[in-house]
Structures are given as structure tokens and as C-alpha cells.
Amino acid sequence: MKKEDQNILNEPREDYHRHLSEEEKLRHDVFRPDMEKFLLFTKMLRTNNVLKKAKITHK
């Protein structure tokens, strides 16, 4: 698999959670290794920081 076909957690880009319920998704995420949880958390913080700095140039 090519590098661009994977995300930061080395998961395939396609949404394989699509058919799972919210409870099943949460159960899957709870049992992730700590490093994956940390990477997801830092990714969330970076995304939030970028959105806070964004400036609307036109409406």
C-alpha cells in the first residue's frame, strides 16, 4: 500500500467504520493503543489550532 493511501495512524483512508454503530466505534477507539490515542489527540489539537487562526477573506 502506498504511503499516501494511509493516514498518520497507518490506517487505510477509506472509512471502514462506515457500517459500525456509534457504540461500536467508541468501543474500537477505547481499545486503541495509547500511542494511537495520543496521536489522535495531538492531531485534534493541531486541527483546532489551525481553525482558530483561519481568517475569512470573503463571504
PDB file of N, CA and C in Angstrom:
ATOM      1  N   MET A   1       0.841  -1.170   0.000  1.00  0.00           N
ATOM      2  CA  MET A   1       0.000   0.000   0.000  1.00  0.00           C
ATOM      3  C   MET A   1       0.892   1.241   0.000  1.00  0.00           C
ATOM      4  N   LYS A   2       0.550   2.205  -0.836  1.00  0.00           N
ATOM      5  CA  LYS A   2       1.334   3.434  -0.927  1.00  0.00           C
ATOM      6  C   LYS A   2       1.163   4.280   0.317  1.00  0.00           C
ATOM      7  N   LYS A   3       2.196   5.071   0.619  1.00  0.00           N
ATOM      8  CA  LYS A   3       2.162   5.909   1.807  1.00  0.00           C
ATOM      9  C   LYS A   3       1.003   6.901   1.777  1.00  0.00           C
ATOM     10  N   GLU A   4       0.693   7.462   0.611  1.00  0.00           N
ATOM     11  CA  GLU A   4      -0.391   8.442   0.539  1.00  0.00           C
ATOM     12  C   GLU A   4      -1.764   7.811   0.727  1.00  0.00           C
ATOM     13  N   ASP A   5      -1.851   6.466   0.686  1.00  0.00           N
ATOM     14  CA  ASP A   5      -3.116   5.775   0.917  1.00  0.00           C
ATOM     15  C   ASP A   5      -3.373   5.515   2.394  1.00  0.00           C
ATOM     16  N   GLN A   6      -2.467   5.962   3.262  1.00  0.00           N
ATOM     17  CA  GLN A   6      -2.616   5.745   4.692  1.00  0.00           C
ATOM     18  C   GLN A   6      -2.588   7.073   5.423  1.00  0.00           C
ATOM     19  N   ASN A   7      -3.164   7.101   6.618  1.00  0.00           N
ATOM     20  CA  ASN A   7      -3.129   8.317   7.410  1.00  0.00           C
ATOM     21  C   ASN A   7      -2.047   8.209   8.475  1.00  0.00           C
ATOM     22  N   ILE A   8      -2.026   9.137   9.400  1.00  0.00           N
ATOM     23  CA  ILE A   8      -0.966   9.203  10.406  1.00  0.00           C
ATOM     24  C   ILE A   8      -0.922   7.943  11.277  1.00  0.00           C
ATOM     25  N   LEU A   9      -2.040   7.263  11.422  1.00  0.00           N
ATOM     26  CA  LEU A   9      -2.094   6.058  12.244  1.00  0.00           C
ATOM     27  C   LEU A   9      -1.901   4.792  11.424  1.00  0.00           C
ATOM     28  N   ASN A  10      -1.471   4.952  10.184  1.00  0.00           N
ATOM     29  CA  ASN A  10      -1.258   3.834   9.270  1.00  0.00           C
ATOM     30  C   ASN A  10      -2.526   3.029   9.025  1.00  0.00           C
ATOM     31  N   GLU A  11      -3.653   3.723   9.040  1.00  0.00           N
ATOM     32  CA  GLU A  11      -4.918   3.087   8.714  1.00  0.00           C
ATOM     33  C   GLU A  11      -5.282   3.446   7.280  1.00  0.00           C
ATOM     34  N   PRO A  12      -5.994   2.584   6.599  1.00  0.00           N
ATOM     35  CA  PRO A  12      -6.432   2.921   5.239  1.00  0.00           C
ATOM     36  C   PRO A  12      -7.304   4.166   5.252  1.00  0.00           C
ATOM     37  N   ARG A  13      -7.235   4.962   4.179  1.00  0.00           N
ATOM     38  CA  ARG A  13      -8.004   6.195   4.125  1.00  0.00           C
ATOM     39  C   ARG A  13      -9.511   5.948   4.024  1.00  0.00           C
ATOM     40  N   GLU A  14      -9.918   4.867   3.390  1.00  0.00           N
ATOM     41  CA  GLU A  14     -11.350   4.634   3.259  1.00  0.00           C
ATOM     42  C   GLU A  14     -11.957   4.426   4.645  1.00  0.00           C
ATOM     43  N   ASP A  15     -13.189   4.830   4.788  1.00  0.00           N
ATOM     44  CA  ASP A  15     -13.860   4.788   6.081  1.00  0.00           C
ATOM     45  C   ASP A  15     -14.375   3.375   6.334  1.00  0.00           C
ATOM     46  N   TYR A  16     -13.601   2.590   7.058  1.00  0.00           N
ATOM     47  CA  TYR A  16     -14.018   1.217   7.325  1.00  0.00           C
ATOM     48  C   TYR A  16     -14.980   1.173   8.506  1.00  0.00           C
ATOM     49  N   HIS A  17     -15.194   2.306   9.190  1.00  0.00           N
ATOM     50  CA  HIS A  17     -16.158   2.371  10.283  1.00  0.00           C
ATOM     51  C   HIS A  17     -17.565   2.667   9.763  1.00  0.00           C
ATOM     52  N   ARG A  18     -17.705   2.861   8.493  1.00  0.00           N
ATOM     53  CA  ARG A  18     -18.963   3.340   7.920  1.00  0.00           C
ATOM     54  C   ARG A  18     -20.163   2.508   8.363  1.00  0.00           C
ATOM     55  N   HIS A  19     -20.012   1.209   8.440  1.00  0.00           N
ATOM     56  CA  HIS A  19     -21.132   0.332   8.744  1.00  0.00           C
ATOM     57  C   HIS A  19     -21.302   0.064  10.245  1.00  0.00           C
ATOM     58  N   LEU A  20     -20.421   0.608  11.104  1.00  0.00           N
ATOM     59  CA  LEU A  20     -20.490   0.370  12.531  1.00  0.00           C
ATOM     60  C   LEU A  20     -21.378   1.390  13.231  1.00  0.00           C
ATOM     61  N   SER A  21     -22.006   0.972  14.322  1.00  0.00           N
ATOM     62  CA  SER A  21     -22.797   1.912  15.112  1.00  0.00           C
ATOM     63  C   SER A  21     -21.862   2.798  15.927  1.00  0.00           C
ATOM     64  N   GLU A  22     -22.410   3.862  16.496  1.00  0.00           N
ATOM     65  CA  GLU A  22     -21.600   4.773  17.311  1.00  0.00           C
ATOM     66  C   GLU A  22     -20.989   4.033  18.499  1.00  0.00           C
ATOM     67  N   GLU A  23     -21.756   3.144  19.100  1.00  0.00           N
ATOM     68  CA  GLU A  23     -21.248   2.386  20.255  1.00  0.00           C
ATOM     69  C   GLU A  23     -20.077   1.488  19.849  1.00  0.00           C
ATOM     70  N   GLU A  24     -20.181   0.857  18.695  1.00  0.00           N
ATOM     71  CA  GLU A  24     -19.091   0.001  18.220  1.00  0.00           C
ATOM     72  C   GLU A  24     -17.851   0.819  17.885  1.00  0.00           C
ATOM     73  N   LYS A  25     -18.045   2.015  17.326  1.00  0.00           N
ATOM     74  CA  LYS A  25     -16.912   2.891  17.025  1.00  0.00           C
ATOM     75  C   LYS A  25     -16.197   3.300  18.302  1.00  0.00           C
ATOM     76  N   LEU A  26     -16.979   3.669  19.328  1.00  0.00           N
ATOM     77  CA  LEU A  26     -16.391   4.042  20.612  1.00  0.00           C
ATOM     78  C   LEU A  26     -15.648   2.870  21.237  1.00  0.00           C
ATOM     79  N   ARG A  27     -16.233   1.700  21.174  1.00  0.00           N
ATOM     80  CA  ARG A  27     -15.587   0.509  21.733  1.00  0.00           C
ATOM     81  C   ARG A  27     -14.255   0.252  21.027  1.00  0.00           C
ATOM     82  N   HIS A  28     -14.225   0.422  19.721  1.00  0.00           N
ATOM     83  CA  HIS A  28     -12.995   0.245  18.952  1.00  0.00           C
ATOM     84  C   HIS A  28     -11.948   1.261  19.382  1.00  0.00           C
ATOM     85  N   ASP A  29     -12.366   2.521  19.549  1.00  0.00           N
ATOM     86  CA  ASP A  29     -11.430   3.583  19.915  1.00  0.00           C
ATOM     87  C   ASP A  29     -10.909   3.428  21.342  1.00  0.00           C
ATOM     88  N   VAL A  30     -11.735   2.930  22.253  1.00  0.00           N
ATOM     89  CA  VAL A  30     -11.310   2.755  23.643  1.00  0.00           C
ATOM     90  C   VAL A  30     -10.163   1.754  23.735  1.00  0.00           C
ATOM     91  N   PHE A  31     -10.188   0.751  22.903  1.00  0.00           N
ATOM     92  CA  PHE A  31      -9.176  -0.294  22.975  1.00  0.00           C
ATOM     93  C   PHE A  31      -7.972  -0.041  22.066  1.00  0.00           C
ATOM     94  N   ARG A  32      -7.873   1.161  21.520  1.00  0.00           N
ATOM     95  CA  ARG A  32      -6.677   1.510  20.738  1.00  0.00           C
ATOM     96  C   ARG A  32      -5.478   1.574  21.672  1.00  0.00           C
ATOM     97  N   PRO A  33      -4.297   1.324  21.143  1.00  0.00           N
ATOM     98  CA  PRO A  33      -3.090   1.504  21.964  1.00  0.00           C
ATOM     99  C   PRO A  33      -2.928   2.971  22.373  1.00  0.00           C
ATOM    100  N   ASP A  34      -2.239   3.201  23.468  1.00  0.00           N
ATOM    101  CA  ASP A  34      -2.067   4.550  23.994  1.00  0.00           C
ATOM    102  C   ASP A  34      -1.406   5.486  22.984  1.00  0.00           C
ATOM    103  N   MET A  35      -0.455   4.979  22.231  1.00  0.00           N
ATOM    104  CA  MET A  35       0.235   5.834  21.257  1.00  0.00           C
ATOM    105  C   MET A  35      -0.730   6.325  20.183  1.00  0.00           C
ATOM    106  N   GLU A  36      -1.617   5.459  19.723  1.00  0.00           N
ATOM    107  CA  GLU A  36      -2.607   5.878  18.724  1.00  0.00           C
ATOM    108  C   GLU A  36      -3.545   6.925  19.305  1.00  0.00           C
ATOM    109  N   LYS A  37      -3.965   6.729  20.555  1.00  0.00           N
ATOM    110  CA  LYS A  37      -4.823   7.726  21.200  1.00  0.00           C
ATOM    111  C   LYS A  37      -4.101   9.068  21.298  1.00  0.00           C
ATOM    112  N   PHE A  38      -2.833   9.029  21.659  1.00  0.00           N
ATOM    113  CA  PHE A  38      -2.047  10.255  21.764  1.00  0.00           C
ATOM    114  C   PHE A  38      -1.930  10.950  20.413  1.00  0.00           C
ATOM    115  N   LEU A  39      -1.669  10.178  19.350  1.00  0.00           N
ATOM    116  CA  LEU A  39      -1.565  10.768  18.011  1.00  0.00           C
ATOM    117  C   LEU A  39      -2.884  11.385  17.567  1.00  0.00           C
ATOM    118  N   LEU A  40      -3.982  10.719  17.853  1.00  0.00           N
ATOM    119  CA  LEU A  40      -5.295  11.280  17.522  1.00  0.00           C
ATOM    120  C   LEU A  40      -5.553  12.573  18.297  1.00  0.00           C
ATOM    121  N   PHE A  41      -5.177  12.593  19.569  1.00  0.00           N
ATOM    122  CA  PHE A  41      -5.372  13.772  20.404  1.00  0.00           C
ATOM    123  C   PHE A  41      -4.555  14.953  19.890  1.00  0.00           C
ATOM    124  N   THR A  42      -3.283  14.708  19.570  1.00  0.00           N
ATOM    125  CA  THR A  42      -2.446  15.804  19.078  1.00  0.00           C
ATOM    126  C   THR A  42      -2.918  16.283  17.709  1.00  0.00           C
ATOM    127  N   LYS A  43      -3.414  15.375  16.892  1.00  0.00           N
ATOM    128  CA  LYS A  43      -3.967  15.769  15.593  1.00  0.00           C
ATOM    129  C   LYS A  43      -5.185  16.674  15.789  1.00  0.00           C
ATOM    130  N   MET A  44      -6.028  16.330  16.774  1.00  0.00           N
ATOM    131  CA  MET A  44      -7.199  17.142  17.080  1.00  0.00           C
ATOM    132  C   MET A  44      -6.777  18.538  17.525  1.00  0.00           C
ATOM    133  N   LEU A  45      -5.756  18.629  18.378  1.00  0.00           N
ATOM    134  CA  LEU A  45      -5.275  19.925  18.848  1.00  0.00           C
ATOM    135  C   LEU A  45      -4.718  20.766  17.699  1.00  0.00           C
ATOM    136  N   ARG A  46      -3.960  20.148  16.800  1.00  0.00           N
ATOM    137  CA  ARG A  46      -3.411  20.894  15.663  1.00  0.00           C
ATOM    138  C   ARG A  46      -4.515  21.406  14.765  1.00  0.00           C
ATOM    139  N   THR A  47      -5.510  20.568  14.504  1.00  0.00           N
ATOM    140  CA  THR A  47      -6.628  20.971  13.650  1.00  0.00           C
ATOM    141  C   THR A  47      -7.384  22.137  14.278  1.00  0.00           C
ATOM    142  N   ASN A  48      -7.639  22.045  15.576  1.00  0.00           N
ATOM    143  CA  ASN A  48      -8.350  23.106  16.277  1.00  0.00           C
ATOM    144  C   ASN A  48      -7.549  24.404  16.230  1.00  0.00           C
ATOM    145  N   ASN A  49      -6.249  24.318  16.404  1.00  0.00           N
ATOM    146  CA  ASN A  49      -5.392  25.500  16.377  1.00  0.00           C
ATOM    147  C   ASN A  49      -5.413  26.157  14.994  1.00  0.00           C
ATOM    148  N   VAL A  50      -5.371  25.370  13.955  1.00  0.00           N
ATOM    149  CA  VAL A  50      -5.415  25.899  12.591  1.00  0.00           C
ATOM    150  C   VAL A  50      -6.753  26.586  12.336  1.00  0.00           C
ATOM    151  N   LEU A  51      -7.836  25.985  12.808  1.00  0.00           N
ATOM    152  CA  LEU A  51      -9.155  26.582  12.599  1.00  0.00           C
ATOM    153  C   LEU A  51      -9.306  27.896  13.351  1.00  0.00           C
ATOM    154  N   LYS A  52      -8.706  28.010  14.530  1.00  0.00           N
ATOM    155  CA  LYS A  52      -8.777  29.256  15.289  1.00  0.00           C
ATOM    156  C   LYS A  52      -8.019  30.377  14.593  1.00  0.00           C
ATOM    157  N   LYS A  53      -6.932  30.039  13.884  1.00  0.00           N
ATOM    158  CA  LYS A  53      -6.112  31.053  13.217  1.00  0.00           C
ATOM    159  C   LYS A  53      -6.658  31.423  11.838  1.00  0.00           C
ATOM    160  N   ALA A  54      -7.604  30.661  11.334  1.00  0.00           N
ATOM    161  CA  ALA A  54      -8.123  30.905   9.987  1.00  0.00           C
ATOM    162  C   ALA A  54      -8.843  32.241   9.922  1.00  0.00           C
ATOM    163  N   LYS A  55      -8.664  32.932   8.807  1.00  0.00           N
ATOM    164  CA  LYS A  55      -9.317  34.223   8.598  1.00  0.00           C
ATOM    165  C   LYS A  55     -10.225  34.122   7.369  1.00  0.00           C
ATOM    166  N   ILE A  56     -11.437  34.611   7.516  1.00  0.00           N
ATOM    167  CA  ILE A  56     -12.384  34.610   6.405  1.00  0.00           C
ATOM    168  C   ILE A  56     -12.068  35.831   5.547  1.00  0.00           C
ATOM    169  N   THR A  57     -11.778  35.588   4.272  1.00  0.00           N
ATOM    170  CA  THR A  57     -11.406  36.696   3.382  1.00  0.00           C
ATOM    171  C   THR A  57     -12.571  37.210   2.564  1.00  0.00           C
ATOM    172  N   HIS A  58     -13.625  36.407   2.424  1.00  0.00           N
ATOM    173  CA  HIS A  58     -14.802  36.858   1.707  1.00  0.00           C
ATOM    174  C   HIS A  58     -16.013  36.028   2.152  1.00  0.00           C
ATOM    175  N   LYS A  59     -17.186  36.564   1.890  1.00  0.00           N
ATOM    176  CA  LYS A  59     -18.410  35.850   2.258  1.00  0.00           C
ATOM    177  C   LYS A  59     -19.260  35.605   1.053  1.00  0.00           C
TER     178      LYS A  59
END
